Amino acid sequence: MFAVIKTGGKQYRVAADEQITVMSLEGNAGDKVTFSDVLLVDNDGAATIGAPFVAGASVTAEIVEQARGPKVISFKKRRRKNSKRKRGHRQDLTLVRILEVIAA
């Protein structure tokens, strides 16, 4: 049984006992979170597709850790003008473990 959820403006295919990395969520390690924006639930070949969300379906997960992604460098150079800019960015991420998928 798996589901497709939407969080942080992205869609993820999840199943029980998986670990996924999503955009930053509020909470500390060990806290439980519930994703109610479930787009699809597949129960052994019987798929339920939401319009836009599946009514009554939810996914429960546990926060494993709050982490940061790799450093991304944005470097801009304007040739022959002695002008350049270097700026770095690290995205805040949350590692979650899927506990259960609840179908409607």
PDB file of N, CA and C in Angstrom:
ATOM      1  N   MET A   1       0.848  -1.171   0.000  1.00  0.00           N
ATOM      2  CA  MET A   1       0.000   0.000   0.000  1.00  0.00           C
ATOM      3  C   MET A   1       0.896   1.238   0.000  1.00  0.00           C
ATOM      4  N   PHE A   2       0.613   2.164  -0.909  1.00  0.00           N
ATOM      5  CA  PHE A   2       1.383   3.396  -0.952  1.00  0.00           C
ATOM      6  C   PHE A   2       0.437   4.558  -1.215  1.00  0.00           C
ATOM      7  N   ALA A   3       0.970   5.757  -1.047  1.00  0.00           N
ATOM      8  CA  ALA A   3       0.184   6.970  -1.261  1.00  0.00           C
ATOM      9  C   ALA A   3       1.082   8.020  -1.894  1.00  0.00           C
ATOM     10  N   VAL A   4       0.456   8.995  -2.534  1.00  0.00           N
ATOM     11  CA  VAL A   4       1.155  10.162  -3.053  1.00  0.00           C
ATOM     12  C   VAL A   4       0.665  11.356  -2.252  1.00  0.00           C
ATOM     13  N   ILE A   5       1.595  12.016  -1.549  1.00  0.00           N
ATOM     14  CA  ILE A   5       1.239  13.157  -0.717  1.00  0.00           C
ATOM     15  C   ILE A   5       1.855  14.424  -1.289  1.00  0.00           C
ATOM     16  N   LYS A   6       1.303  15.546  -0.841  1.00  0.00           N
ATOM     17  CA  LYS A   6       1.804  16.854  -1.262  1.00  0.00           C
ATOM     18  C   LYS A   6       2.206  17.625  -0.015  1.00  0.00           C
ATOM     19  N   THR A   7       3.466  18.061   0.015  1.00  0.00           N
ATOM     20  CA  THR A   7       3.945  18.896   1.107  1.00  0.00           C
ATOM     21  C   THR A   7       5.094  19.757   0.600  1.00  0.00           C
ATOM     22  N   GLY A   8       5.121  20.984   1.014  1.00  0.00           N
ATOM     23  CA  GLY A   8       6.188  21.891   0.607  1.00  0.00           C
ATOM     24  C   GLY A   8       6.186  22.199  -0.877  1.00  0.00           C
ATOM     25  N   GLY A   9       5.027  22.096  -1.538  1.00  0.00           N
ATOM     26  CA  GLY A   9       4.934  22.386  -2.956  1.00  0.00           C
ATOM     27  C   GLY A   9       5.432  21.266  -3.851  1.00  0.00           C
ATOM     28  N   LYS A  10       5.727  20.097  -3.271  1.00  0.00           N
ATOM     29  CA  LYS A  10       6.209  18.952  -4.038  1.00  0.00           C
ATOM     30  C   LYS A  10       5.356  17.737  -3.717  1.00  0.00           C
ATOM     31  N   GLN A  11       5.454  16.734  -4.579  1.00  0.00           N
ATOM     32  CA  GLN A  11       4.708  15.498  -4.391  1.00  0.00           C
ATOM     33  C   GLN A  11       5.679  14.353  -4.134  1.00  0.00           C
ATOM     34  N   TYR A  12       5.309  13.471  -3.202  1.00  0.00           N
ATOM     35  CA  TYR A  12       6.162  12.359  -2.817  1.00  0.00           C
ATOM     36  C   TYR A  12       5.348  11.074  -2.806  1.00  0.00           C
ATOM     37  N   ARG A  13       5.945   9.987  -3.312  1.00  0.00           N
ATOM     38  CA  ARG A  13       5.337   8.668  -3.227  1.00  0.00           C
ATOM     39  C   ARG A  13       5.863   8.025  -1.955  1.00  0.00           C
ATOM     40  N   VAL A  14       4.966   7.656  -1.046  1.00  0.00           N
ATOM     41  CA  VAL A  14       5.380   7.137   0.255  1.00  0.00           C
ATOM     42  C   VAL A  14       4.683   5.814   0.545  1.00  0.00           C
ATOM     43  N   ALA A  15       5.347   4.998   1.340  1.00  0.00           N
ATOM     44  CA  ALA A  15       4.792   3.755   1.862  1.00  0.00           C
ATOM     45  C   ALA A  15       5.259   3.627   3.310  1.00  0.00           C
ATOM     46  N   ALA A  16       4.647   2.717   4.051  1.00  0.00           N
ATOM     47  CA  ALA A  16       4.988   2.545   5.460  1.00  0.00           C
ATOM     48  C   ALA A  16       6.447   2.121   5.606  1.00  0.00           C
ATOM     49  N   ASP A  17       7.089   2.589   6.659  1.00  0.00           N
ATOM     50  CA  ASP A  17       8.477   2.283   7.018  1.00  0.00           C
ATOM     51  C   ASP A  17       9.504   2.835   6.028  1.00  0.00           C
ATOM     52  N   GLU A  18       9.168   3.866   5.284  1.00  0.00           N
ATOM     53  CA  GLU A  18      10.126   4.547   4.415  1.00  0.00           C
ATOM     54  C   GLU A  18      10.604   5.817   5.094  1.00  0.00           C
ATOM     55  N   GLN A  19      11.791   6.279   4.713  1.00  0.00           N
ATOM     56  CA  GLN A  19      12.286   7.569   5.160  1.00  0.00           C
ATOM     57  C   GLN A  19      12.408   8.468   3.947  1.00  0.00           C
ATOM     58  N   ILE A  20      11.846   9.682   4.045  1.00  0.00           N
ATOM     59  CA  ILE A  20      11.938  10.638   2.951  1.00  0.00           C
ATOM     60  C   ILE A  20      12.435  11.971   3.496  1.00  0.00           C
ATOM     61  N   THR A  21      13.010  12.759   2.623  1.00  0.00           N
ATOM     62  CA  THR A  21      13.476  14.098   2.967  1.00  0.00           C
ATOM     63  C   THR A  21      12.535  15.103   2.325  1.00  0.00           C
ATOM     64  N   VAL A  22      11.910  15.944   3.152  1.00  0.00           N
ATOM     65  CA  VAL A  22      10.965  16.940   2.661  1.00  0.00           C
ATOM     66  C   VAL A  22      11.454  18.326   3.057  1.00  0.00           C
ATOM     67  N   MET A  23      10.805  19.335   2.533  1.00  0.00           N
ATOM     68  CA  MET A  23      11.139  20.702   2.920  1.00  0.00           C
ATOM     69  C   MET A  23      10.866  20.880   4.412  1.00  0.00           C
ATOM     70  N   SER A  24      11.417  21.892   4.997  1.00  0.00           N
ATOM     71  CA  SER A  24      11.393  22.091   6.437  1.00  0.00           C
ATOM     72  C   SER A  24       9.984  22.073   7.017  1.00  0.00           C
ATOM     73  N   LEU A  25       9.813  21.264   8.072  1.00  0.00           N
ATOM     74  CA  LEU A  25       8.559  21.189   8.822  1.00  0.00           C
ATOM     75  C   LEU A  25       8.817  21.635  10.251  1.00  0.00           C
ATOM     76  N   GLU A  26       7.791  22.181  10.888  1.00  0.00           N
ATOM     77  CA  GLU A  26       7.909  22.583  12.286  1.00  0.00           C
ATOM     78  C   GLU A  26       7.924  21.340  13.170  1.00  0.00           C
ATOM     79  N   GLY A  27       8.748  21.349  14.202  1.00  0.00           N
ATOM     80  CA  GLY A  27       8.782  20.246  15.154  1.00  0.00           C
ATOM     81  C   GLY A  27      10.194  19.778  15.413  1.00  0.00           C
ATOM     82  N   ASN A  28      10.310  18.960  16.463  1.00  0.00           N
ATOM     83  CA  ASN A  28      11.598  18.415  16.862  1.00  0.00           C
ATOM     84  C   ASN A  28      11.646  16.929  16.535  1.00  0.00           C
ATOM     85  N   ALA A  29      12.820  16.341  16.692  1.00  0.00           N
ATOM     86  CA  ALA A  29      12.973  14.909  16.441  1.00  0.00           C
ATOM     87  C   ALA A  29      12.081  14.131  17.405  1.00  0.00           C
ATOM     88  N   GLY A  30      11.356  13.159  16.856  1.00  0.00           N
ATOM     89  CA  GLY A  30      10.434  12.356  17.666  1.00  0.00           C
ATOM     90  C   GLY A  30       8.992  12.806  17.592  1.00  0.00           C
ATOM     91  N   ASP A  31       8.747  14.011  17.102  1.00  0.00           N
ATOM     92  CA  ASP A  31       7.370  14.508  16.984  1.00  0.00           C
ATOM     93  C   ASP A  31       6.652  13.806  15.839  1.00  0.00           C
ATOM     94  N   LYS A  32       5.343  13.670  15.991  1.00  0.00           N
ATOM     95  CA  LYS A  32       4.515  13.057  14.955  1.00  0.00           C
ATOM     96  C   LYS A  32       3.877  14.160  14.109  1.00  0.00           C
ATOM     97  N   VAL A  33       3.836  13.939  12.793  1.00  0.00           N
ATOM     98  CA  VAL A  33       3.173  14.864  11.877  1.00  0.00           C
ATOM     99  C   VAL A  33       2.190  14.075  11.030  1.00  0.00           C
ATOM    100  N   THR A  34       1.127  14.749  10.602  1.00  0.00           N
ATOM    101  CA  THR A  34       0.115  14.120   9.770  1.00  0.00           C
ATOM    102  C   THR A  34      -0.010  14.905   8.477  1.00  0.00           C
ATOM    103  N   PHE A  35       0.100  14.206   7.364  1.00  0.00           N
ATOM    104  CA  PHE A  35      -0.084  14.805   6.048  1.00  0.00           C
ATOM    105  C   PHE A  35      -1.504  14.482   5.593  1.00  0.00           C
ATOM    106  N   SER A  36      -2.341  15.497   5.465  1.00  0.00           N
ATOM    107  CA  SER A  36      -3.732  15.273   5.056  1.00  0.00           C
ATOM    108  C   SER A  36      -3.944  15.525   3.569  1.00  0.00           C
ATOM    109  N   ASP A  37      -2.946  16.120   2.894  1.00  0.00           N
ATOM    110  CA  ASP A  37      -3.052  16.365   1.454  1.00  0.00           C
ATOM    111  C   ASP A  37      -2.602  15.119   0.693  1.00  0.00           C
ATOM    112  N   VAL A  38      -3.488  14.119   0.631  1.00  0.00           N
ATOM    113  CA  VAL A  38      -3.192  12.856  -0.040  1.00  0.00           C
ATOM    114  C   VAL A  38      -3.837  12.892  -1.420  1.00  0.00           C
ATOM    115  N   LEU A  39      -3.018  12.761  -2.463  1.00  0.00           N
ATOM    116  CA  LEU A  39      -3.503  12.849  -3.830  1.00  0.00           C
ATOM    117  C   LEU A  39      -3.940  11.499  -4.378  1.00  0.00           C
ATOM    118  N   LEU A  40      -3.324  10.406  -3.915  1.00  0.00           N
ATOM    119  CA  LEU A  40      -3.627   9.075  -4.436  1.00  0.00           C
ATOM    120  C   LEU A  40      -3.326   8.043  -3.358  1.00  0.00           C
ATOM    121  N   VAL A  41      -4.173   7.029  -3.269  1.00  0.00           N
ATOM    122  CA  VAL A  41      -3.929   5.894  -2.377  1.00  0.00           C
ATOM    123  C   VAL A  41      -4.077   4.628  -3.200  1.00  0.00           C
ATOM    124  N   ASP A  42      -3.044   3.766  -3.165  1.00  0.00           N
ATOM    125  CA  ASP A  42      -3.090   2.506  -3.898  1.00  0.00           C
ATOM    126  C   ASP A  42      -3.041   1.372  -2.885  1.00  0.00           C
ATOM    127  N   ASN A  43      -4.089   0.554  -2.872  1.00  0.00           N
ATOM    128  CA  ASN A  43      -4.180  -0.565  -1.948  1.00  0.00           C
ATOM    129  C   ASN A  43      -4.176  -1.857  -2.758  1.00  0.00           C
ATOM    130  N   ASP A  44      -2.986  -2.391  -3.041  1.00  0.00           N
ATOM    131  CA  ASP A  44      -2.807  -3.633  -3.803  1.00  0.00           C
ATOM    132  C   ASP A  44      -3.497  -3.587  -5.159  1.00  0.00           C
ATOM    133  N   GLY A  45      -3.262  -2.528  -5.898  1.00  0.00           N
ATOM    134  CA  GLY A  45      -3.794  -2.417  -7.254  1.00  0.00           C
ATOM    135  C   GLY A  45      -5.099  -1.650  -7.361  1.00  0.00           C
ATOM    136  N   ALA A  46      -5.793  -1.443  -6.258  1.00  0.00           N
ATOM    137  CA  ALA A  46      -7.039  -0.673  -6.273  1.00  0.00           C
ATOM    138  C   ALA A  46      -6.710   0.773  -5.912  1.00  0.00           C
ATOM    139  N   ALA A  47      -6.553   1.597  -6.926  1.00  0.00           N
ATOM    140  CA  ALA A  47      -6.130   2.979  -6.709  1.00  0.00           C
ATOM    141  C   ALA A  47      -7.336   3.882  -6.500  1.00  0.00           C
ATOM    142  N   THR A  48      -7.206   4.796  -5.538  1.00  0.00           N
ATOM    143  CA  THR A  48      -8.201   5.831  -5.297  1.00  0.00           C
ATOM    144  C   THR A  48      -7.538   7.163  -5.587  1.00  0.00           C
ATOM    145  N   ILE A  49      -8.061   7.862  -6.584  1.00  0.00           N
ATOM    146  CA  ILE A  49      -7.486   9.138  -7.001  1.00  0.00           C
ATOM    147  C   ILE A  49      -8.378  10.261  -6.498  1.00  0.00           C
ATOM    148  N   GLY A  50      -7.772  11.248  -5.870  1.00  0.00           N
ATOM    149  CA  GLY A  50      -8.529  12.369  -5.332  1.00  0.00           C
ATOM    150  C   GLY A  50      -8.756  13.446  -6.362  1.00  0.00           C
ATOM    151  N   ALA A  51      -9.730  14.302  -6.047  1.00  0.00           N
ATOM    152  CA  ALA A  51     -10.035  15.425  -6.932  1.00  0.00           C
ATOM    153  C   ALA A  51     -10.256  16.673  -6.082  1.00  0.00           C
ATOM    154  N   PRO A  52      -9.262  17.384  -5.623  1.00  0.00           N
ATOM    155  CA  PRO A  52      -7.831  17.123  -5.763  1.00  0.00           C
ATOM    156  C   PRO A  52      -7.271  16.177  -4.696  1.00  0.00           C
ATOM    157  N   PHE A  53      -7.954  16.027  -3.540  1.00  0.00           N
ATOM    158  CA  PHE A  53      -7.427  15.183  -2.471  1.00  0.00           C
ATOM    159  C   PHE A  53      -8.395  14.039  -2.186  1.00  0.00           C
ATOM    160  N   VAL A  54      -7.869  12.934  -1.666  1.00  0.00           N
ATOM    161  CA  VAL A  54      -8.685  11.788  -1.283  1.00  0.00           C
ATOM    162  C   VAL A  54      -9.325  12.101   0.062  1.00  0.00           C
ATOM    163  N   ALA A  55     -10.654  12.038   0.111  1.00  0.00           N
ATOM    164  CA  ALA A  55     -11.390  12.374   1.332  1.00  0.00           C
ATOM    165  C   ALA A  55     -11.133  11.314   2.401  1.00  0.00           C
ATOM    166  N   GLY A  56     -10.777  11.767   3.587  1.00  0.00           N
ATOM    167  CA  GLY A  56     -10.588  10.867   4.713  1.00  0.00           C
ATOM    168  C   GLY A  56      -9.241  10.175   4.776  1.00  0.00           C
ATOM    169  N   ALA A  57      -8.412  10.323   3.776  1.00  0.00           N
ATOM    170  CA  ALA A  57      -7.100   9.667   3.768  1.00  0.00           C
ATOM    171  C   ALA A  57      -6.064  10.575   4.412  1.00  0.00           C
ATOM    172  N   SER A  58      -5.097   9.952   5.088  1.00  0.00           N
ATOM    173  CA  SER A  58      -4.008  10.711   5.689  1.00  0.00           C
ATOM    174  C   SER A  58      -2.787   9.812   5.833  1.00  0.00           C
ATOM    175  N   VAL A  59      -1.651  10.438   6.023  1.00  0.00           N
ATOM    176  CA  VAL A  59      -0.385   9.728   6.212  1.00  0.00           C
ATOM    177  C   VAL A  59       0.235  10.251   7.497  1.00  0.00           C
ATOM    178  N   THR A  60       0.601   9.334   8.390  1.00  0.00           N
ATOM    179  CA  THR A  60       1.215   9.697   9.657  1.00  0.00           C
ATOM    180  C   THR A  60       2.712   9.419   9.579  1.00  0.00           C
ATOM    181  N   ALA A  61       3.508  10.370  10.064  1.00  0.00           N
ATOM    182  CA  ALA A  61       4.960  10.236  10.000  1.00  0.00           C
ATOM    183  C   ALA A  61       5.579  10.739  11.297  1.00  0.00           C
ATOM    184  N   GLU A  62       6.831  10.374  11.495  1.00  0.00           N
ATOM    185  CA  GLU A  62       7.593  10.812  12.663  1.00  0.00           C
ATOM    186  C   GLU A  62       8.834  11.534  12.178  1.00  0.00           C
ATOM    187  N   ILE A  63       9.121  12.685  12.782  1.00  0.00           N
ATOM    188  CA  ILE A  63      10.312  13.451  12.408  1.00  0.00           C
ATOM    189  C   ILE A  63      11.538  12.752  12.969  1.00  0.00           C
ATOM    190  N   VAL A  64      12.483  12.425  12.079  1.00  0.00           N
ATOM    191  CA  VAL A  64      13.725  11.775  12.494  1.00  0.00           C
ATOM    192  C   VAL A  64      14.753  12.835  12.865  1.00  0.00           C
ATOM    193  N   GLU A  65      14.953  13.828  11.982  1.00  0.00           N
ATOM    194  CA  GLU A  65      15.900  14.900  12.291  1.00  0.00           C
ATOM    195  C   GLU A  65      15.634  16.119  11.408  1.00  0.00           C
ATOM    196  N   GLN A  66      16.081  17.254  11.897  1.00  0.00           N
ATOM    197  CA  GLN A  66      16.090  18.489  11.123  1.00  0.00           C
ATOM    198  C   GLN A  66      17.506  18.636  10.576  1.00  0.00           C
ATOM    199  N   ALA A  67      17.617  18.780   9.259  1.00  0.00           N
ATOM    200  CA  ALA A  67      18.941  18.823   8.633  1.00  0.00           C
ATOM    201  C   ALA A  67      19.009  19.988   7.660  1.00  0.00           C
ATOM    202  N   ARG A  68      20.181  20.134   7.047  1.00  0.00           N
ATOM    203  CA  ARG A  68      20.372  21.139   6.013  1.00  0.00           C
ATOM    204  C   ARG A  68      20.981  20.468   4.795  1.00  0.00           C
ATOM    205  N   GLY A  69      20.562  20.941   3.648  1.00  0.00           N
ATOM    206  CA  GLY A  69      21.044  20.371   2.398  1.00  0.00           C
ATOM    207  C   GLY A  69      22.454  20.820   2.081  1.00  0.00           C
ATOM    208  N   PRO A  70      22.981  20.367   0.949  1.00  0.00           N
ATOM    209  CA  PRO A  70      24.335  20.770   0.558  1.00  0.00           C
ATOM    210  C   PRO A  70      24.385  22.240   0.164  1.00  0.00           C
ATOM    211  N   LYS A  71      25.568  22.826   0.269  1.00  0.00           N
ATOM    212  CA  LYS A  71      25.725  24.228  -0.073  1.00  0.00           C
ATOM    213  C   LYS A  71      25.688  24.394  -1.589  1.00  0.00           C
ATOM    214  N   VAL A  72      24.881  25.340  -2.032  1.00  0.00           N
ATOM    215  CA  VAL A  72      24.753  25.660  -3.453  1.00  0.00           C
ATOM    216  C   VAL A  72      25.350  27.050  -3.642  1.00  0.00           C
ATOM    217  N   ILE A  73      26.291  27.166  -4.570  1.00  0.00           N
ATOM    218  CA  ILE A  73      26.965  28.434  -4.825  1.00  0.00           C
ATOM    219  C   ILE A  73      26.349  29.099  -6.044  1.00  0.00           C
ATOM    220  N   SER A  74      25.971  30.360  -5.877  1.00  0.00           N
ATOM    221  CA  SER A  74      25.474  31.166  -6.990  1.00  0.00           C
ATOM    222  C   SER A  74      26.546  32.202  -7.294  1.00  0.00           C
ATOM    223  N   PHE A  75      27.225  32.020  -8.412  1.00  0.00           N
ATOM    224  CA  PHE A  75      28.329  32.904  -8.777  1.00  0.00           C
ATOM    225  C   PHE A  75      27.985  33.622 -10.066  1.00  0.00           C
ATOM    226  N   LYS A  76      28.039  34.954 -10.032  1.00  0.00           N
ATOM    227  CA  LYS A  76      27.768  35.761 -11.221  1.00  0.00           C
ATOM    228  C   LYS A  76      28.984  36.637 -11.502  1.00  0.00           C
ATOM    229  N   LYS A  77      29.380  36.665 -12.750  1.00  0.00           N
ATOM    230  CA  LYS A  77      30.538  37.467 -13.151  1.00  0.00           C
ATOM    231  C   LYS A  77      30.187  38.237 -14.414  1.00  0.00           C
ATOM    232  N   ARG A  78      30.509  39.496 -14.387  1.00  0.00           N
ATOM    233  CA  ARG A  78      30.335  40.335 -15.583  1.00  0.00           C
ATOM    234  C   ARG A  78      31.723  40.596 -16.144  1.00  0.00           C
ATOM    235  N   ARG A  79      32.007  40.012 -17.279  1.00  0.00           N
ATOM    236  CA  ARG A  79      33.366  40.058 -17.805  1.00  0.00           C
ATOM    237  C   ARG A  79      33.770  41.480 -18.210  1.00  0.00           C
ATOM    238  N   ARG A  80      35.037  41.743 -18.048  1.00  0.00           N
ATOM    239  CA  ARG A  80      35.683  43.019 -18.379  1.00  0.00           C
ATOM    240  C   ARG A  80      35.135  44.199 -17.564  1.00  0.00           C
ATOM    241  N   LYS A  81      34.369  43.948 -16.533  1.00  0.00           N
ATOM    242  CA  LYS A  81      33.831  45.056 -15.741  1.00  0.00           C
ATOM    243  C   LYS A  81      34.272  44.998 -14.272  1.00  0.00           C
ATOM    244  N   ASN A  82      35.147  44.052 -13.958  1.00  0.00           N
ATOM    245  CA  ASN A  82      35.632  43.876 -12.588  1.00  0.00           C
ATOM    246  C   ASN A  82      34.460  43.777 -11.614  1.00  0.00           C
ATOM    247  N   SER A  83      33.449  43.022 -12.007  1.00  0.00           N
ATOM    248  CA  SER A  83      32.255  42.871 -11.186  1.00  0.00           C
ATOM    249  C   SER A  83      31.926  41.395 -11.044  1.00  0.00           C
ATOM    250  N   LYS A  84      31.794  40.959  -9.804  1.00  0.00           N
ATOM    251  CA  LYS A  84      31.406  39.573  -9.556  1.00  0.00           C
ATOM    252  C   LYS A  84      30.693  39.488  -8.219  1.00  0.00           C
ATOM    253  N   ARG A  85      29.895  38.414  -8.085  1.00  0.00           N
ATOM    254  CA  ARG A  85      29.147  38.215  -6.850  1.00  0.00           C
ATOM    255  C   ARG A  85      29.097  36.724  -6.553  1.00  0.00           C
ATOM    256  N   LYS A  86      29.414  36.359  -5.334  1.00  0.00           N
ATOM    257  CA  LYS A  86      29.361  34.966  -4.903  1.00  0.00           C
ATOM    258  C   LYS A  86      28.447  34.886  -3.695  1.00  0.00           C
ATOM    259  N   ARG A  87      27.443  34.047  -3.798  1.00  0.00           N
ATOM    260  CA  ARG A  87      26.463  33.919  -2.731  1.00  0.00           C
ATOM    261  C   ARG A  87      26.156  32.436  -2.524  1.00  0.00           C
ATOM    262  N   GLY A  88      26.123  31.975  -1.299  1.00  0.00           N
ATOM    263  CA  GLY A  88      25.839  30.572  -0.989  1.00  0.00           C
ATOM    264  C   GLY A  88      24.475  30.414  -0.341  1.00  0.00           C
ATOM    265  N   HIS A  89      23.934  29.191  -0.453  1.00  0.00           N
ATOM    266  CA  HIS A  89      22.621  28.900   0.121  1.00  0.00           C
ATOM    267  C   HIS A  89      22.577  27.446   0.564  1.00  0.00           C
ATOM    268  N   ARG A  90      21.991  27.193   1.735  1.00  0.00           N
ATOM    269  CA  ARG A  90      21.734  25.833   2.207  1.00  0.00           C
ATOM    270  C   ARG A  90      20.267  25.733   2.580  1.00  0.00           C
ATOM    271  N   GLN A  91      19.571  24.765   1.991  1.00  0.00           N
ATOM    272  CA  GLN A  91      18.141  24.595   2.212  1.00  0.00           C
ATOM    273  C   GLN A  91      17.899  23.835   3.516  1.00  0.00           C
ATOM    274  N   ASP A  92      16.901  24.278   4.286  1.00  0.00           N
ATOM    275  CA  ASP A  92      16.499  23.556   5.494  1.00  0.00           C
ATOM    276  C   ASP A  92      15.626  22.377   5.091  1.00  0.00           C
ATOM    277  N   LEU A  93      15.970  21.186   5.595  1.00  0.00           N
ATOM    278  CA  LEU A  93      15.264  19.963   5.248  1.00  0.00           C
ATOM    279  C   LEU A  93      14.848  19.224   6.511  1.00  0.00           C
ATOM    280  N   THR A  94      13.851  18.354   6.373  1.00  0.00           N
ATOM    281  CA  THR A  94      13.385  17.525   7.473  1.00  0.00           C
ATOM    282  C   THR A  94      13.346  16.083   6.995  1.00  0.00           C
ATOM    283  N   LEU A  95      13.970  15.187   7.752  1.00  0.00           N
ATOM    284  CA  LEU A  95      13.941  13.760   7.450  1.00  0.00           C
ATOM    285  C   LEU A  95      12.815  13.135   8.262  1.00  0.00           C
ATOM    286  N   VAL A  96      11.849  12.509   7.575  1.00  0.00           N
ATOM    287  CA  VAL A  96      10.705  11.899   8.261  1.00  0.00           C
ATOM    288  C   VAL A  96      10.618  10.410   7.925  1.00  0.00           C
ATOM    289  N   ARG A  97      10.115   9.638   8.891  1.00  0.00           N
ATOM    290  CA  ARG A  97       9.861   8.209   8.700  1.00  0.00           C
ATOM    291  C   ARG A  97       8.350   8.018   8.646  1.00  0.00           C
ATOM    292  N   ILE A  98       7.874   7.402   7.575  1.00  0.00           N
ATOM    293  CA  ILE A  98       6.441   7.170   7.408  1.00  0.00           C
ATOM    294  C   ILE A  98       6.024   6.026   8.312  1.00  0.00           C
ATOM    295  N   LEU A  99       5.027   6.270   9.166  1.00  0.00           N
ATOM    296  CA  LEU A  99       4.564   5.236  10.092  1.00  0.00           C
ATOM    297  C   LEU A  99       3.415   4.440   9.496  1.00  0.00           C
ATOM    298  N   GLU A 100       2.400   5.134   8.959  1.00  0.00           N
ATOM    299  CA  GLU A 100       1.267   4.413   8.394  1.00  0.00           C
ATOM    300  C   GLU A 100       0.547   5.273   7.363  1.00  0.00           C
ATOM    301  N   VAL A 101      -0.103   4.579   6.432  1.00  0.00           N
ATOM    302  CA  VAL A 101      -0.940   5.207   5.431  1.00  0.00           C
ATOM    303  C   VAL A 101      -2.370   4.812   5.749  1.00  0.00           C
ATOM    304  N   ILE A 102      -3.224   5.799   5.991  1.00  0.00           N
ATOM    305  CA  ILE A 102      -4.617   5.531   6.361  1.00  0.00           C
ATOM    306  C   ILE A 102      -5.487   5.875   5.155  1.00  0.00           C
ATOM    307  N   ALA A 103      -6.124   4.849   4.594  1.00  0.00           N
ATOM    308  CA  ALA A 103      -7.035   5.053   3.465  1.00  0.00           C
ATOM    309  C   ALA A 103      -8.408   5.446   4.005  1.00  0.00           C
ATOM    310  N   ALA A 104      -9.218   6.037   3.131  1.00  0.00           N
ATOM    311  CA  ALA A 104     -10.557   6.483   3.535  1.00  0.00           C
ATOM    312  C   ALA A 104     -11.447   5.308   3.872  1.00  0.00           C
TER     313      ALA A 104
END
